[in-house]
Protein backbone atom coordinates (compact mmCIF):
# COMPACT_ATOMS: atom_id res chain seq x y z
CA MET A 1 -18.64 237.90 -44.15
CA ASP A 2 -20.39 234.87 -45.84
CA VAL A 3 -17.00 232.84 -46.35
CA LEU A 4 -14.47 231.74 -43.95
CA VAL A 5 -11.18 232.59 -45.28
CA VAL A 6 -8.34 230.16 -43.78
CA GLU A 7 -6.00 231.33 -46.51
CA PRO A 8 -5.86 232.46 -49.48
CA GLY A 9 -6.23 228.95 -51.38
CA ILE A 10 -8.64 227.79 -48.67
CA ARG A 11 -12.04 229.59 -48.78
CA ILE A 12 -15.09 227.95 -46.98
CA PRO A 13 -18.61 229.29 -47.42
CA LEU A 14 -20.57 229.67 -44.19
CA GLU A 15 -23.30 227.86 -45.64
CA GLU A 16 -21.52 224.39 -44.86
CA PHE A 17 -21.66 225.08 -41.30
CA THR A 18 -24.78 224.36 -39.05
CA PHE A 19 -24.86 226.14 -35.76
CA THR A 20 -27.42 225.22 -33.06
CA PHE A 21 -27.34 226.87 -29.88
CA VAL A 22 -28.38 225.55 -26.19
CA ARG A 23 -27.79 226.56 -22.95
CA SER A 24 -24.40 227.08 -21.32
CA THR A 25 -23.07 225.38 -17.95
CA GLY A 26 -21.81 227.22 -15.39
CA PRO A 27 -22.65 230.19 -13.56
CA GLY A 28 -24.45 232.90 -15.26
CA GLY A 29 -27.11 234.24 -12.61
CA GLN A 30 -30.82 234.52 -13.47
CA ASN A 31 -30.08 234.60 -17.08
CA VAL A 32 -28.66 231.30 -17.18
CA ASN A 33 -31.85 229.27 -17.26
CA LYS A 34 -33.30 231.58 -20.25
CA VAL A 35 -30.67 232.38 -22.63
CA ASN A 36 -29.42 229.94 -25.36
CA SER A 37 -25.93 231.28 -25.69
CA LYS A 38 -23.69 227.93 -26.25
CA ALA A 39 -22.76 227.42 -29.70
CA ALA A 40 -22.64 224.03 -31.11
CA LEU A 41 -20.89 224.02 -34.96
CA ARG A 42 -21.33 220.83 -37.09
CA TRP A 43 -19.32 220.64 -40.48
CA PRO A 44 -19.26 217.33 -42.59
CA VAL A 45 -15.49 217.61 -43.56
CA VAL A 46 -15.93 214.58 -45.84
CA GLY A 47 -18.33 215.96 -48.01
CA SER A 48 -16.88 219.41 -48.41
CA PRO A 49 -16.16 220.61 -51.68
CA SER A 50 -14.03 223.58 -50.60
CA LEU A 51 -11.27 221.62 -48.59
CA PRO A 52 -8.35 220.26 -51.09
CA GLU A 53 -8.02 216.70 -50.89
CA ASP A 54 -4.59 216.50 -49.72
CA VAL A 55 -5.63 218.78 -46.56
CA ARG A 56 -8.69 217.12 -45.70
CA GLN A 57 -6.47 213.97 -45.46
CA ARG A 58 -4.06 215.85 -43.21
CA PHE A 59 -7.06 217.14 -41.46
CA MET A 60 -8.84 213.84 -40.79
CA SER A 61 -5.38 211.91 -39.74
CA LYS A 62 -4.79 214.79 -37.09
CA TYR A 63 -8.39 215.66 -35.75
CA GLY A 64 -10.03 212.09 -36.73
CA ASN A 65 -11.04 211.61 -32.75
CA ARG A 66 -13.00 214.78 -32.82
CA LEU A 67 -15.12 213.60 -36.00
CA THR A 68 -18.24 211.49 -35.84
CA GLY A 69 -18.86 208.18 -37.56
CA GLU A 70 -20.09 210.24 -40.77
CA GLY A 71 -17.12 212.32 -40.74
CA GLU A 72 -18.84 215.56 -39.43
CA LEU A 73 -16.74 217.79 -36.86
CA VAL A 74 -18.33 218.96 -33.85
CA LEU A 75 -17.49 221.96 -31.89
CA THR A 76 -18.87 223.87 -29.06
CA SER A 77 -18.14 227.19 -27.61
CA GLN A 78 -19.22 228.77 -24.64
CA ARG A 79 -16.47 231.33 -23.50
CA PHE A 80 -18.74 234.22 -24.12
CA ARG A 81 -22.29 234.94 -22.89
CA ASP A 82 -23.98 235.90 -26.37
CA GLN A 83 -24.51 233.86 -29.52
CA PRO A 84 -22.81 235.87 -31.98
CA ARG A 85 -19.40 235.50 -30.21
CA ASN A 86 -19.60 231.82 -29.28
CA ARG A 87 -20.56 231.43 -33.21
CA ALA A 88 -17.47 233.50 -34.24
CA ASP A 89 -15.34 231.80 -31.81
CA CYS A 90 -16.20 228.41 -33.03
CA LEU A 91 -15.57 229.48 -36.58
CA GLU A 92 -12.09 230.92 -35.06
CA LYS A 93 -11.53 227.28 -33.76
CA VAL A 94 -12.09 225.76 -37.06
CA ARG A 95 -9.66 228.27 -39.02
CA GLY A 96 -7.03 227.21 -36.45
CA MET A 97 -7.61 223.81 -36.97
CA ILE A 98 -7.48 223.94 -40.54
CA ALA A 99 -4.27 226.35 -40.87
CA ALA A 100 -2.50 223.99 -38.82
CA VAL A 101 -2.79 221.32 -41.43
CA ALA A 102 -3.00 223.39 -44.21
CA ILE A 103 0.71 223.60 -45.21
CA ALA A 104 2.17 220.21 -46.00
CA PRO A 105 5.10 218.95 -43.81
CA LYS A 106 8.56 218.89 -45.48
CA LYS A 107 9.94 215.64 -46.11
CA ARG A 108 13.07 214.82 -44.20
CA LYS A 109 16.38 214.58 -46.16
CA ARG A 110 18.40 211.74 -44.81
CA THR A 111 21.96 212.87 -43.93
CA ARG A 112 25.02 211.21 -42.85
CA PRO A 113 26.75 212.14 -39.76
CA THR A 114 30.15 214.14 -39.96
CA LEU A 115 33.44 212.41 -39.11
CA ALA A 116 33.88 214.73 -36.11
CA SER A 117 30.13 213.69 -34.58
CA LYS A 118 31.26 210.10 -35.14
CA GLU A 119 34.58 210.94 -33.05
CA ARG A 120 32.43 212.73 -30.40
CA ARG A 121 30.23 210.07 -30.11
CA LEU A 122 32.82 207.16 -29.77
CA GLY A 123 35.05 209.35 -27.42
CA GLU A 124 31.80 209.68 -25.17
CA LYS A 125 31.69 206.06 -25.36
CA ARG A 126 35.34 205.45 -24.09
CA ARG A 127 34.77 208.00 -21.20
CA ARG A 128 31.32 206.17 -20.03
CA SER A 129 33.19 202.70 -20.40
CA GLY A 130 36.27 203.92 -18.30
CA HIS A 131 34.03 205.51 -15.72
CA LYS A 132 32.07 202.20 -15.29
CA GLN A 133 35.34 200.35 -15.32
CA LEU A 134 36.38 202.10 -12.22
CA ARG A 135 32.78 200.96 -10.37
CA ARG A 136 33.74 197.26 -10.79
CA GLU A 137 35.11 195.23 -8.17
CA ARG A 138 38.69 194.57 -8.39
CA PRO A 139 40.05 191.09 -7.49
CA SER A 140 41.85 191.02 -3.88
CA GLU A 141 45.74 190.45 -3.98
């Protein structure tokens, strides 16, 4: 697999991703101090030629807080105890993030409230008003 396929129109070559491996945190027994199994992925979102411009803009607006100052996405994975599975997990996270912004949101078509919904709203207002009128102190006679 030399290409990350998000959907038919979005294919990112794996050469765009840079992986580094460091030691995982947490319990692991004797192996924890000698195996670099945590995967850290770096991907320059701003300079990626594989990402369509509209998808890039939506990605940067939604995940801008996860980008560095240079526009690079940094993800890590340490779910598994070996490098290949953590590497695949990082790629799966990127695929999910891109898939979430790949389809443009539909523009909302403005509609007018129906006559029945207007009447329901006004009837509810009258009912609430009457309920509050009953709570008022009546003048003594």
